Amino acid sequence: MAAVHDSATPGPDPQDAQHSAGAWPPGGADYGMAEEVVGRVIAWYSQRIQAERRAGAAPQRLEDLAARRQACVEDRHRLEEADPEEVARITALYAARLKELEAPGPQ
């Protein structure tokens, strides 16, 4: 599966939960960074669902991927009400998940 992020276009590092520009509050987790990394994971699942459908994947596999994607969507909505510690936790969790998803090998 191709990586979600185009490596030719550098973006913010999702693992940098304390991105200095626009940090909220200063020294806290960056909401924009959290939204970015969760969005990238959602995009990965969306692309994977589409690829699996084209390959004729079993309905259970598609349901599993769709459920995982939906959980990500719900986490992204939770960011709107999250305090800085929760934003930092979600950012770290999704940065690790994205790294795992983009690693070569079976998913």
PDB file of N, CA and C in Angstrom:
ATOM      1  N   MET A   1       0.848  -1.189   0.000  1.00  0.00           N
ATOM      2  CA  MET A   1       0.000   0.000   0.000  1.00  0.00           C
ATOM      3  C   MET A   1       0.881   1.235   0.000  1.00  0.00           C
ATOM      4  N   ALA A   2       0.588   2.174  -0.839  1.00  0.00           N
ATOM      5  CA  ALA A   2       1.375   3.396  -0.929  1.00  0.00           C
ATOM      6  C   ALA A   2       1.153   4.254   0.305  1.00  0.00           C
ATOM      7  N   ALA A   3       2.175   4.992   0.648  1.00  0.00           N
ATOM      8  CA  ALA A   3       2.079   5.883   1.801  1.00  0.00           C
ATOM      9  C   ALA A   3       1.059   6.979   1.523  1.00  0.00           C
ATOM     10  N   VAL A   4       0.379   7.419   2.549  1.00  0.00           N
ATOM     11  CA  VAL A   4      -0.626   8.451   2.423  1.00  0.00           C
ATOM     12  C   VAL A   4       0.027   9.786   2.122  1.00  0.00           C
ATOM     13  N   HIS A   5       1.163  10.064   2.732  1.00  0.00           N
ATOM     14  CA  HIS A   5       1.834  11.351   2.605  1.00  0.00           C
ATOM     15  C   HIS A   5       2.836  11.285   1.469  1.00  0.00           C
ATOM     16  N   ASP A   6       2.826  12.277   0.594  1.00  0.00           N
ATOM     17  CA  ASP A   6       3.782  12.386  -0.483  1.00  0.00           C
ATOM     18  C   ASP A   6       5.109  12.844   0.102  1.00  0.00           C
ATOM     19  N   SER A   7       6.108  11.966   0.090  1.00  0.00           N
ATOM     20  CA  SER A   7       7.385  12.293   0.723  1.00  0.00           C
ATOM     21  C   SER A   7       8.113  13.428   0.021  1.00  0.00           C
ATOM     22  N   ALA A   8       7.729  13.752  -1.217  1.00  0.00           N
ATOM     23  CA  ALA A   8       8.353  14.866  -1.917  1.00  0.00           C
ATOM     24  C   ALA A   8       7.874  16.209  -1.379  1.00  0.00           C
ATOM     25  N   THR A   9       6.779  16.199  -0.661  1.00  0.00           N
ATOM     26  CA  THR A   9       6.240  17.415  -0.070  1.00  0.00           C
ATOM     27  C   THR A   9       6.327  17.311   1.441  1.00  0.00           C
ATOM     28  N   PRO A  10       7.410  17.829   2.020  1.00  0.00           N
ATOM     29  CA  PRO A  10       7.557  17.680   3.472  1.00  0.00           C
ATOM     30  C   PRO A  10       6.470  18.435   4.219  1.00  0.00           C
ATOM     31  N   GLY A  11       5.949  17.798   5.239  1.00  0.00           N
ATOM     32  CA  GLY A  11       4.946  18.412   6.083  1.00  0.00           C
ATOM     33  C   GLY A  11       5.418  18.364   7.513  1.00  0.00           C
ATOM     34  N   PRO A  12       4.612  18.799   8.430  1.00  0.00           N
ATOM     35  CA  PRO A  12       5.012  18.748   9.834  1.00  0.00           C
ATOM     36  C   PRO A  12       5.155  17.309  10.292  1.00  0.00           C
ATOM     37  N   ASP A  13       6.076  17.080  11.177  1.00  0.00           N
ATOM     38  CA  ASP A  13       6.308  15.747  11.703  1.00  0.00           C
ATOM     39  C   ASP A  13       5.230  15.420  12.719  1.00  0.00           C
ATOM     40  N   PRO A  14       4.359  14.395  12.433  1.00  0.00           N
ATOM     41  CA  PRO A  14       3.282  14.092  13.363  1.00  0.00           C
ATOM     42  C   PRO A  14       3.781  13.635  14.726  1.00  0.00           C
ATOM     43  N   GLN A  15       5.029  13.217  14.809  1.00  0.00           N
ATOM     44  CA  GLN A  15       5.552  12.768  16.088  1.00  0.00           C
ATOM     45  C   GLN A  15       5.966  13.932  16.965  1.00  0.00           C
ATOM     46  N   ASP A  16       5.971  15.131  16.399  1.00  0.00           N
ATOM     47  CA  ASP A  16       6.326  16.326  17.159  1.00  0.00           C
ATOM     48  C   ASP A  16       5.066  16.911  17.774  1.00  0.00           C
ATOM     49  N   ALA A  17       4.641  16.353  18.888  1.00  0.00           N
ATOM     50  CA  ALA A  17       3.383  16.762  19.523  1.00  0.00           C
ATOM     51  C   ALA A  17       3.463  18.167  20.100  1.00  0.00           C
ATOM     52  N   GLN A  18       4.664  18.729  20.209  1.00  0.00           N
ATOM     53  CA  GLN A  18       4.804  20.071  20.776  1.00  0.00           C
ATOM     54  C   GLN A  18       5.363  21.026  19.733  1.00  0.00           C
ATOM     55  N   HIS A  19       4.832  20.962  18.529  1.00  0.00           N
ATOM     56  CA  HIS A  19       5.202  21.839  17.434  1.00  0.00           C
ATOM     57  C   HIS A  19       5.133  23.278  17.925  1.00  0.00           C
ATOM     58  N   SER A  20       6.212  24.026  17.783  1.00  0.00           N
ATOM     59  CA  SER A  20       6.280  25.343  18.413  1.00  0.00           C
ATOM     60  C   SER A  20       5.333  26.375  17.807  1.00  0.00           C
ATOM     61  N   ALA A  21       5.147  26.379  16.498  1.00  0.00           N
ATOM     62  CA  ALA A  21       4.268  27.386  15.888  1.00  0.00           C
ATOM     63  C   ALA A  21       2.818  27.017  16.134  1.00  0.00           C
ATOM     64  N   GLY A  22       2.101  27.893  16.785  1.00  0.00           N
ATOM     65  CA  GLY A  22       0.689  27.668  17.015  1.00  0.00           C
ATOM     66  C   GLY A  22       0.379  26.697  18.130  1.00  0.00           C
ATOM     67  N   ALA A  23       1.328  26.417  18.983  1.00  0.00           N
ATOM     68  CA  ALA A  23       1.081  25.470  20.071  1.00  0.00           C
ATOM     69  C   ALA A  23       0.026  26.044  21.006  1.00  0.00           C
ATOM     70  N   TRP A  24      -0.793  25.176  21.542  1.00  0.00           N
ATOM     71  CA  TRP A  24      -1.891  25.606  22.422  1.00  0.00           C
ATOM     72  C   TRP A  24      -1.934  24.717  23.624  1.00  0.00           C
ATOM     73  N   PRO A  25      -1.764  25.168  24.825  1.00  0.00           N
ATOM     74  CA  PRO A  25      -1.098  26.422  25.164  1.00  0.00           C
ATOM     75  C   PRO A  25       0.394  26.295  24.894  1.00  0.00           C
ATOM     76  N   PRO A  26       1.172  27.363  25.076  1.00  0.00           N
ATOM     77  CA  PRO A  26       2.611  27.264  24.826  1.00  0.00           C
ATOM     78  C   PRO A  26       3.203  26.052  25.556  1.00  0.00           C
ATOM     79  N   GLY A  27       3.920  25.238  24.808  1.00  0.00           N
ATOM     80  CA  GLY A  27       4.514  24.033  25.389  1.00  0.00           C
ATOM     81  C   GLY A  27       3.558  22.858  25.394  1.00  0.00           C
ATOM     82  N   GLY A  28       2.307  23.073  25.028  1.00  0.00           N
ATOM     83  CA  GLY A  28       1.309  22.002  25.006  1.00  0.00           C
ATOM     84  C   GLY A  28       1.191  21.385  23.633  1.00  0.00           C
ATOM     85  N   ALA A  29       0.301  20.428  23.524  1.00  0.00           N
ATOM     86  CA  ALA A  29       0.100  19.746  22.252  1.00  0.00           C
ATOM     87  C   ALA A  29      -0.540  20.685  21.242  1.00  0.00           C
ATOM     88  N   ASP A  30      -0.206  20.531  20.006  1.00  0.00           N
ATOM     89  CA  ASP A  30      -0.732  21.354  18.936  1.00  0.00           C
ATOM     90  C   ASP A  30      -1.972  20.681  18.364  1.00  0.00           C
ATOM     91  N   TYR A  31      -3.119  21.330  18.493  1.00  0.00           N
ATOM     92  CA  TYR A  31      -4.379  20.797  17.984  1.00  0.00           C
ATOM     93  C   TYR A  31      -4.295  20.539  16.482  1.00  0.00           C
ATOM     94  N   GLY A  32      -3.697  21.457  15.751  1.00  0.00           N
ATOM     95  CA  GLY A  32      -3.555  21.292  14.301  1.00  0.00           C
ATOM     96  C   GLY A  32      -2.749  20.063  13.947  1.00  0.00           C
ATOM     97  N   MET A  33      -1.709  19.806  14.698  1.00  0.00           N
ATOM     98  CA  MET A  33      -0.881  18.622  14.465  1.00  0.00           C
ATOM     99  C   MET A  33      -1.699  17.364  14.730  1.00  0.00           C
ATOM    100  N   ALA A  34      -2.473  17.369  15.790  1.00  0.00           N
ATOM    101  CA  ALA A  34      -3.315  16.207  16.109  1.00  0.00           C
ATOM    102  C   ALA A  34      -4.320  15.964  15.002  1.00  0.00           C
ATOM    103  N   GLU A  35      -4.970  17.027  14.555  1.00  0.00           N
ATOM    104  CA  GLU A  35      -5.949  16.897  13.482  1.00  0.00           C
ATOM    105  C   GLU A  35      -5.293  16.362  12.210  1.00  0.00           C
ATOM    106  N   GLU A  36      -4.092  16.817  11.906  1.00  0.00           N
ATOM    107  CA  GLU A  36      -3.346  16.374  10.723  1.00  0.00           C
ATOM    108  C   GLU A  36      -3.045  14.878  10.786  1.00  0.00           C
ATOM    109  N   VAL A  37      -2.494  14.429  11.884  1.00  0.00           N
ATOM    110  CA  VAL A  37      -2.083  13.023  11.967  1.00  0.00           C
ATOM    111  C   VAL A  37      -3.301  12.098  12.010  1.00  0.00           C
ATOM    112  N   VAL A  38      -4.372  12.491  12.692  1.00  0.00           N
ATOM    113  CA  VAL A  38      -5.589  11.668  12.697  1.00  0.00           C
ATOM    114  C   VAL A  38      -6.165  11.628  11.280  1.00  0.00           C
ATOM    115  N   GLY A  39      -6.159  12.749  10.599  1.00  0.00           N
ATOM    116  CA  GLY A  39      -6.642  12.795   9.220  1.00  0.00           C
ATOM    117  C   GLY A  39      -5.849  11.901   8.290  1.00  0.00           C
ATOM    118  N   ARG A  40      -4.553  11.829   8.494  1.00  0.00           N
ATOM    119  CA  ARG A  40      -3.711  10.962   7.665  1.00  0.00           C
ATOM    120  C   ARG A  40      -4.026   9.492   7.913  1.00  0.00           C
ATOM    121  N   VAL A  41      -4.322   9.134   9.149  1.00  0.00           N
ATOM    122  CA  VAL A  41      -4.699   7.746   9.452  1.00  0.00           C
ATOM    123  C   VAL A  41      -6.059   7.436   8.825  1.00  0.00           C
ATOM    124  N   ILE A  42      -6.996   8.359   8.921  1.00  0.00           N
ATOM    125  CA  ILE A  42      -8.304   8.173   8.286  1.00  0.00           C
ATOM    126  C   ILE A  42      -8.127   7.975   6.782  1.00  0.00           C
ATOM    127  N   ALA A  43      -7.289   8.795   6.165  1.00  0.00           N
ATOM    128  CA  ALA A  43      -7.039   8.674   4.726  1.00  0.00           C
ATOM    129  C   ALA A  43      -6.425   7.312   4.395  1.00  0.00           C
ATOM    130  N   TRP A  44      -5.520   6.835   5.241  1.00  0.00           N
ATOM    131  CA  TRP A  44      -4.908   5.522   5.009  1.00  0.00           C
ATOM    132  C   TRP A  44      -5.989   4.439   4.998  1.00  0.00           C
ATOM    133  N   TYR A  45      -6.861   4.464   6.006  1.00  0.00           N
ATOM    134  CA  TYR A  45      -7.933   3.468   6.055  1.00  0.00           C
ATOM    135  C   TYR A  45      -8.866   3.597   4.851  1.00  0.00           C
ATOM    136  N   SER A  46      -9.193   4.805   4.437  1.00  0.00           N
ATOM    137  CA  SER A  46     -10.068   5.008   3.278  1.00  0.00           C
ATOM    138  C   SER A  46      -9.444   4.412   2.016  1.00  0.00           C
ATOM    139  N   GLN A  47      -8.162   4.659   1.819  1.00  0.00           N
ATOM    140  CA  GLN A  47      -7.474   4.107   0.656  1.00  0.00           C
ATOM    141  C   GLN A  47      -7.410   2.584   0.726  1.00  0.00           C
ATOM    142  N   ARG A  48      -7.178   2.079   1.915  1.00  0.00           N
ATOM    143  CA  ARG A  48      -7.091   0.624   2.085  1.00  0.00           C
ATOM    144  C   ARG A  48      -8.440  -0.040   1.801  1.00  0.00           C
ATOM    145  N   ILE A  49      -9.527   0.564   2.290  1.00  0.00           N
ATOM    146  CA  ILE A  49     -10.871   0.032   2.037  1.00  0.00           C
ATOM    147  C   ILE A  49     -11.129  -0.024   0.535  1.00  0.00           C
ATOM    148  N   GLN A  50     -10.794   1.055  -0.151  1.00  0.00           N
ATOM    149  CA  GLN A  50     -11.001   1.104  -1.596  1.00  0.00           C
ATOM    150  C   GLN A  50     -10.175   0.013  -2.296  1.00  0.00           C
ATOM    151  N   ALA A  51      -8.929  -0.146  -1.926  1.00  0.00           N
ATOM    152  CA  ALA A  51      -8.073  -1.162  -2.537  1.00  0.00           C
ATOM    153  C   ALA A  51      -8.582  -2.570  -2.243  1.00  0.00           C
ATOM    154  N   GLU A  52      -9.028  -2.802  -1.030  1.00  0.00           N
ATOM    155  CA  GLU A  52      -9.536  -4.126  -0.645  1.00  0.00           C
ATOM    156  C   GLU A  52     -10.829  -4.445  -1.397  1.00  0.00           C
ATOM    157  N   ARG A  53     -11.688  -3.442  -1.574  1.00  0.00           N
ATOM    158  CA  ARG A  53     -12.928  -3.655  -2.353  1.00  0.00           C
ATOM    159  C   ARG A  53     -12.588  -4.080  -3.771  1.00  0.00           C
ATOM    160  N   ARG A  54     -11.651  -3.366  -4.384  1.00  0.00           N
ATOM    161  CA  ARG A  54     -11.239  -3.682  -5.760  1.00  0.00           C
ATOM    162  C   ARG A  54     -10.646  -5.081  -5.854  1.00  0.00           C
ATOM    163  N   ALA A  55      -9.989  -5.518  -4.797  1.00  0.00           N
ATOM    164  CA  ALA A  55      -9.359  -6.844  -4.788  1.00  0.00           C
ATOM    165  C   ALA A  55     -10.347  -7.948  -4.415  1.00  0.00           C
ATOM    166  N   GLY A  56     -11.592  -7.568  -4.081  1.00  0.00           N
ATOM    167  CA  GLY A  56     -12.598  -8.567  -3.732  1.00  0.00           C
ATOM    168  C   GLY A  56     -12.427  -9.146  -2.337  1.00  0.00           C
ATOM    169  N   ALA A  57     -12.016  -8.313  -1.414  1.00  0.00           N
ATOM    170  CA  ALA A  57     -11.798  -8.757  -0.027  1.00  0.00           C
ATOM    171  C   ALA A  57     -13.090  -9.280   0.590  1.00  0.00           C
ATOM    172  N   ALA A  58     -12.934 -10.103   1.586  1.00  0.00           N
ATOM    173  CA  ALA A  58     -14.068 -10.657   2.322  1.00  0.00           C
ATOM    174  C   ALA A  58     -14.822  -9.525   3.025  1.00  0.00           C
ATOM    175  N   PRO A  59     -16.152  -9.649   3.107  1.00  0.00           N
ATOM    176  CA  PRO A  59     -16.946  -8.613   3.783  1.00  0.00           C
ATOM    177  C   PRO A  59     -16.463  -8.330   5.207  1.00  0.00           C
ATOM    178  N   GLN A  60     -16.045  -9.351   5.931  1.00  0.00           N
ATOM    179  CA  GLN A  60     -15.570  -9.151   7.315  1.00  0.00           C
ATOM    180  C   GLN A  60     -14.346  -8.244   7.351  1.00  0.00           C
ATOM    181  N   ARG A  61     -13.441  -8.401   6.397  1.00  0.00           N
ATOM    182  CA  ARG A  61     -12.245  -7.554   6.318  1.00  0.00           C
ATOM    183  C   ARG A  61     -12.648  -6.097   6.076  1.00  0.00           C
ATOM    184  N   LEU A  62     -13.585  -5.888   5.155  1.00  0.00           N
ATOM    185  CA  LEU A  62     -14.047  -4.534   4.855  1.00  0.00           C
ATOM    186  C   LEU A  62     -14.743  -3.913   6.063  1.00  0.00           C
ATOM    187  N   GLU A  63     -15.538  -4.701   6.765  1.00  0.00           N
ATOM    188  CA  GLU A  63     -16.222  -4.209   7.968  1.00  0.00           C
ATOM    189  C   GLU A  63     -15.211  -3.828   9.044  1.00  0.00           C
ATOM    190  N   ASP A  64     -14.160  -4.631   9.193  1.00  0.00           N
ATOM    191  CA  ASP A  64     -13.121  -4.340  10.186  1.00  0.00           C
ATOM    192  C   ASP A  64     -12.417  -3.025   9.857  1.00  0.00           C
ATOM    193  N   LEU A  65     -12.038  -2.847   8.609  1.00  0.00           N
ATOM    194  CA  LEU A  65     -11.372  -1.610   8.201  1.00  0.00           C
ATOM    195  C   LEU A  65     -12.297  -0.407   8.374  1.00  0.00           C
ATOM    196  N   ALA A  66     -13.564  -0.575   8.021  1.00  0.00           N
ATOM    197  CA  ALA A  66     -14.531   0.520   8.163  1.00  0.00           C
ATOM    198  C   ALA A  66     -14.730   0.886   9.634  1.00  0.00           C
ATOM    199  N   ALA A  67     -14.765  -0.108  10.509  1.00  0.00           N
ATOM    200  CA  ALA A  67     -14.920   0.154  11.949  1.00  0.00           C
ATOM    201  C   ALA A  67     -13.703   0.891  12.496  1.00  0.00           C
ATOM    202  N   ARG A  68     -12.521   0.502  12.057  1.00  0.00           N
ATOM    203  CA  ARG A  68     -11.304   1.187  12.507  1.00  0.00           C
ATOM    204  C   ARG A  68     -11.284   2.633  12.023  1.00  0.00           C
ATOM    205  N   ARG A  69     -11.707   2.833  10.773  1.00  0.00           N
ATOM    206  CA  ARG A  69     -11.772   4.187  10.229  1.00  0.00           C
ATOM    207  C   ARG A  69     -12.781   5.020  11.021  1.00  0.00           C
ATOM    208  N   GLN A  70     -13.937   4.451  11.326  1.00  0.00           N
ATOM    209  CA  GLN A  70     -14.963   5.180  12.072  1.00  0.00           C
ATOM    210  C   GLN A  70     -14.464   5.574  13.464  1.00  0.00           C
ATOM    211  N   ALA A  71     -13.705   4.699  14.104  1.00  0.00           N
ATOM    212  CA  ALA A  71     -13.136   5.023  15.416  1.00  0.00           C
ATOM    213  C   ALA A  71     -12.195   6.230  15.303  1.00  0.00           C
ATOM    214  N   CYS A  72     -11.467   6.305  14.210  1.00  0.00           N
ATOM    215  CA  CYS A  72     -10.578   7.449  13.981  1.00  0.00           C
ATOM    216  C   CYS A  72     -11.392   8.732  13.790  1.00  0.00           C
ATOM    217  N   VAL A  73     -12.478   8.630  13.039  1.00  0.00           N
ATOM    218  CA  VAL A  73     -13.344   9.791  12.823  1.00  0.00           C
ATOM    219  C   VAL A  73     -13.884  10.291  14.166  1.00  0.00           C
ATOM    220  N   GLU A  74     -14.295   9.359  15.012  1.00  0.00           N
ATOM    221  CA  GLU A  74     -14.806   9.737  16.332  1.00  0.00           C
ATOM    222  C   GLU A  74     -13.716  10.388  17.183  1.00  0.00           C
ATOM    223  N   ASP A  75     -12.490   9.869  17.106  1.00  0.00           N
ATOM    224  CA  ASP A  75     -11.383  10.493  17.843  1.00  0.00           C
ATOM    225  C   ASP A  75     -11.126  11.907  17.333  1.00  0.00           C
ATOM    226  N   ARG A  76     -11.230  12.096  16.019  1.00  0.00           N
ATOM    227  CA  ARG A  76     -11.009  13.438  15.470  1.00  0.00           C
ATOM    228  C   ARG A  76     -12.076  14.406  16.001  1.00  0.00           C
ATOM    229  N   HIS A  77     -13.317  13.948  16.116  1.00  0.00           N
ATOM    230  CA  HIS A  77     -14.374  14.793  16.683  1.00  0.00           C
ATOM    231  C   HIS A  77     -14.115  15.085  18.163  1.00  0.00           C
ATOM    232  N   ARG A  78     -13.567  14.117  18.889  1.00  0.00           N
ATOM    233  CA  ARG A  78     -13.262  14.311  20.314  1.00  0.00           C
ATOM    234  C   ARG A  78     -12.199  15.381  20.519  1.00  0.00           C
ATOM    235  N   LEU A  79     -11.368  15.596  19.527  1.00  0.00           N
ATOM    236  CA  LEU A  79     -10.328  16.618  19.643  1.00  0.00           C
ATOM    237  C   LEU A  79     -10.921  18.000  19.911  1.00  0.00           C
ATOM    238  N   GLU A  80     -12.117  18.245  19.392  1.00  0.00           N
ATOM    239  CA  GLU A  80     -12.735  19.561  19.550  1.00  0.00           C
ATOM    240  C   GLU A  80     -12.950  19.928  21.008  1.00  0.00           C
ATOM    241  N   GLU A  81     -13.175  18.940  21.857  1.00  0.00           N
ATOM    242  CA  GLU A  81     -13.440  19.175  23.279  1.00  0.00           C
ATOM    243  C   GLU A  81     -12.254  18.788  24.173  1.00  0.00           C
ATOM    244  N   ALA A  82     -11.189  18.297  23.569  1.00  0.00           N
ATOM    245  CA  ALA A  82     -10.073  17.739  24.337  1.00  0.00           C
ATOM    246  C   ALA A  82      -9.226  18.817  25.000  1.00  0.00           C
ATOM    247  N   ASP A  83      -8.733  18.489  26.182  1.00  0.00           N
ATOM    248  CA  ASP A  83      -7.778  19.378  26.843  1.00  0.00           C
ATOM    249  C   ASP A  83      -6.389  19.102  26.256  1.00  0.00           C
ATOM    250  N   PRO A  84      -5.413  19.936  26.566  1.00  0.00           N
ATOM    251  CA  PRO A  84      -4.083  19.781  25.967  1.00  0.00           C
ATOM    252  C   PRO A  84      -3.455  18.402  26.197  1.00  0.00           C
ATOM    253  N   GLU A  85      -3.680  17.813  27.363  1.00  0.00           N
ATOM    254  CA  GLU A  85      -3.103  16.498  27.638  1.00  0.00           C
ATOM    255  C   GLU A  85      -3.719  15.430  26.737  1.00  0.00           C
ATOM    256  N   GLU A  86      -5.030  15.516  26.512  1.00  0.00           N
ATOM    257  CA  GLU A  86      -5.709  14.559  25.642  1.00  0.00           C
ATOM    258  C   GLU A  86      -5.275  14.751  24.190  1.00  0.00           C
ATOM    259  N   VAL A  87      -5.093  15.992  23.780  1.00  0.00           N
ATOM    260  CA  VAL A  87      -4.610  16.273  22.428  1.00  0.00           C
ATOM    261  C   VAL A  87      -3.225  15.649  22.247  1.00  0.00           C
ATOM    262  N   ALA A  88      -2.366  15.812  23.225  1.00  0.00           N
ATOM    263  CA  ALA A  88      -1.020  15.229  23.156  1.00  0.00           C
ATOM    264  C   ALA A  88      -1.086  13.702  23.099  1.00  0.00           C
ATOM    265  N   ARG A  89      -1.975  13.099  23.895  1.00  0.00           N
ATOM    266  CA  ARG A  89      -2.112  11.642  23.913  1.00  0.00           C
ATOM    267  C   ARG A  89      -2.593  11.135  22.551  1.00  0.00           C
ATOM    268  N   ILE A  90      -3.592  11.799  21.988  1.00  0.00           N
ATOM    269  CA  ILE A  90      -4.124  11.382  20.687  1.00  0.00           C
ATOM    270  C   ILE A  90      -3.072  11.555  19.602  1.00  0.00           C
ATOM    271  N   THR A  91      -2.343  12.655  19.647  1.00  0.00           N
ATOM    272  CA  THR A  91      -1.289  12.890  18.659  1.00  0.00           C
ATOM    273  C   THR A  91      -0.254  11.780  18.710  1.00  0.00           C
ATOM    274  N   ALA A  92       0.220  11.446  19.890  1.00  0.00           N
ATOM    275  CA  ALA A  92       1.238  10.396  20.026  1.00  0.00           C
ATOM    276  C   ALA A  92       0.689   9.040  19.567  1.00  0.00           C
ATOM    277  N   LEU A  93      -0.539   8.731  19.961  1.00  0.00           N
ATOM    278  CA  LEU A  93      -1.159   7.463  19.583  1.00  0.00           C
ATOM    279  C   LEU A  93      -1.279   7.339  18.064  1.00  0.00           C
ATOM    280  N   TYR A  94      -1.761   8.401  17.425  1.00  0.00           N
ATOM    281  CA  TYR A  94      -1.962   8.347  15.978  1.00  0.00           C
ATOM    282  C   TYR A  94      -0.657   8.439  15.201  1.00  0.00           C
ATOM    283  N   ALA A  95       0.332   9.141  15.716  1.00  0.00           N
ATOM    284  CA  ALA A  95       1.641   9.163  15.052  1.00  0.00           C
ATOM    285  C   ALA A  95       2.235   7.759  15.040  1.00  0.00           C
ATOM    286  N   ALA A  96       2.107   7.039  16.157  1.00  0.00           N
ATOM    287  CA  ALA A  96       2.611   5.664  16.223  1.00  0.00           C
ATOM    288  C   ALA A  96       1.806   4.753  15.294  1.00  0.00           C
ATOM    289  N   ARG A  97       0.489   4.938  15.263  1.00  0.00           N
ATOM    290  CA  ARG A  97      -0.352   4.102  14.396  1.00  0.00           C
ATOM    291  C   ARG A  97      -0.008   4.352  12.934  1.00  0.00           C
ATOM    292  N   LEU A  98       0.173   5.613  12.540  1.00  0.00           N
ATOM    293  CA  LEU A  98       0.512   5.935  11.168  1.00  0.00           C
ATOM    294  C   LEU A  98       1.840   5.304  10.763  1.00  0.00           C
ATOM    295  N   LYS A  99       2.799   5.380  11.654  1.00  0.00           N
ATOM    296  CA  LYS A  99       4.105   4.764  11.382  1.00  0.00           C
ATOM    297  C   LYS A  99       3.945   3.257  11.162  1.00  0.00           C
ATOM    298  N   GLU A 100       3.143   2.620  11.992  1.00  0.00           N
ATOM    299  CA  GLU A 100       2.888   1.183  11.870  1.00  0.00           C
ATOM    300  C   GLU A 100       2.162   0.863  10.563  1.00  0.00           C
ATOM    301  N   LEU A 101       1.146   1.648  10.223  1.00  0.00           N
ATOM    302  CA  LEU A 101       0.375   1.398   9.019  1.00  0.00           C
ATOM    303  C   LEU A 101       1.205   1.578   7.756  1.00  0.00           C
ATOM    304  N   GLU A 102       2.110   2.553   7.780  1.00  0.00           N
ATOM    305  CA  GLU A 102       2.914   2.836   6.589  1.00  0.00           C
ATOM    306  C   GLU A 102       4.144   1.948   6.478  1.00  0.00           C
ATOM    307  N   ALA A 103       4.413   1.137   7.488  1.00  0.00           N
ATOM    308  CA  ALA A 103       5.552   0.219   7.447  1.00  0.00           C
ATOM    309  C   ALA A 103       5.297  -0.857   6.401  1.00  0.00           C
ATOM    310  N   PRO A 104       6.342  -1.282   5.707  1.00  0.00           N
ATOM    311  CA  PRO A 104       6.166  -2.353   4.718  1.00  0.00           C
ATOM    312  C   PRO A 104       5.706  -3.645   5.406  1.00  0.00           C
ATOM    313  N   GLY A 105       4.951  -4.426   4.687  1.00  0.00           N
ATOM    314  CA  GLY A 105       4.496  -5.707   5.210  1.00  0.00           C
ATOM    315  C   GLY A 105       2.993  -5.765   5.309  1.00  0.00           C
ATOM    316  N   PRO A 106       2.470  -6.921   5.668  1.00  0.00           N
ATOM    317  CA  PRO A 106       1.015  -7.076   5.759  1.00  0.00           C
ATOM    318  C   PRO A 106       0.429  -6.256   6.885  1.00  0.00           C
ATOM    319  N   GLN A 107      -0.805  -5.809   6.692  1.00  0.00           N
ATOM    320  CA  GLN A 107      -1.484  -4.986   7.695  1.00  0.00           C
ATOM    321  C   GLN A 107      -2.487  -5.817   8.439  1.00  0.00           C
TER     322      GLN A 107
END
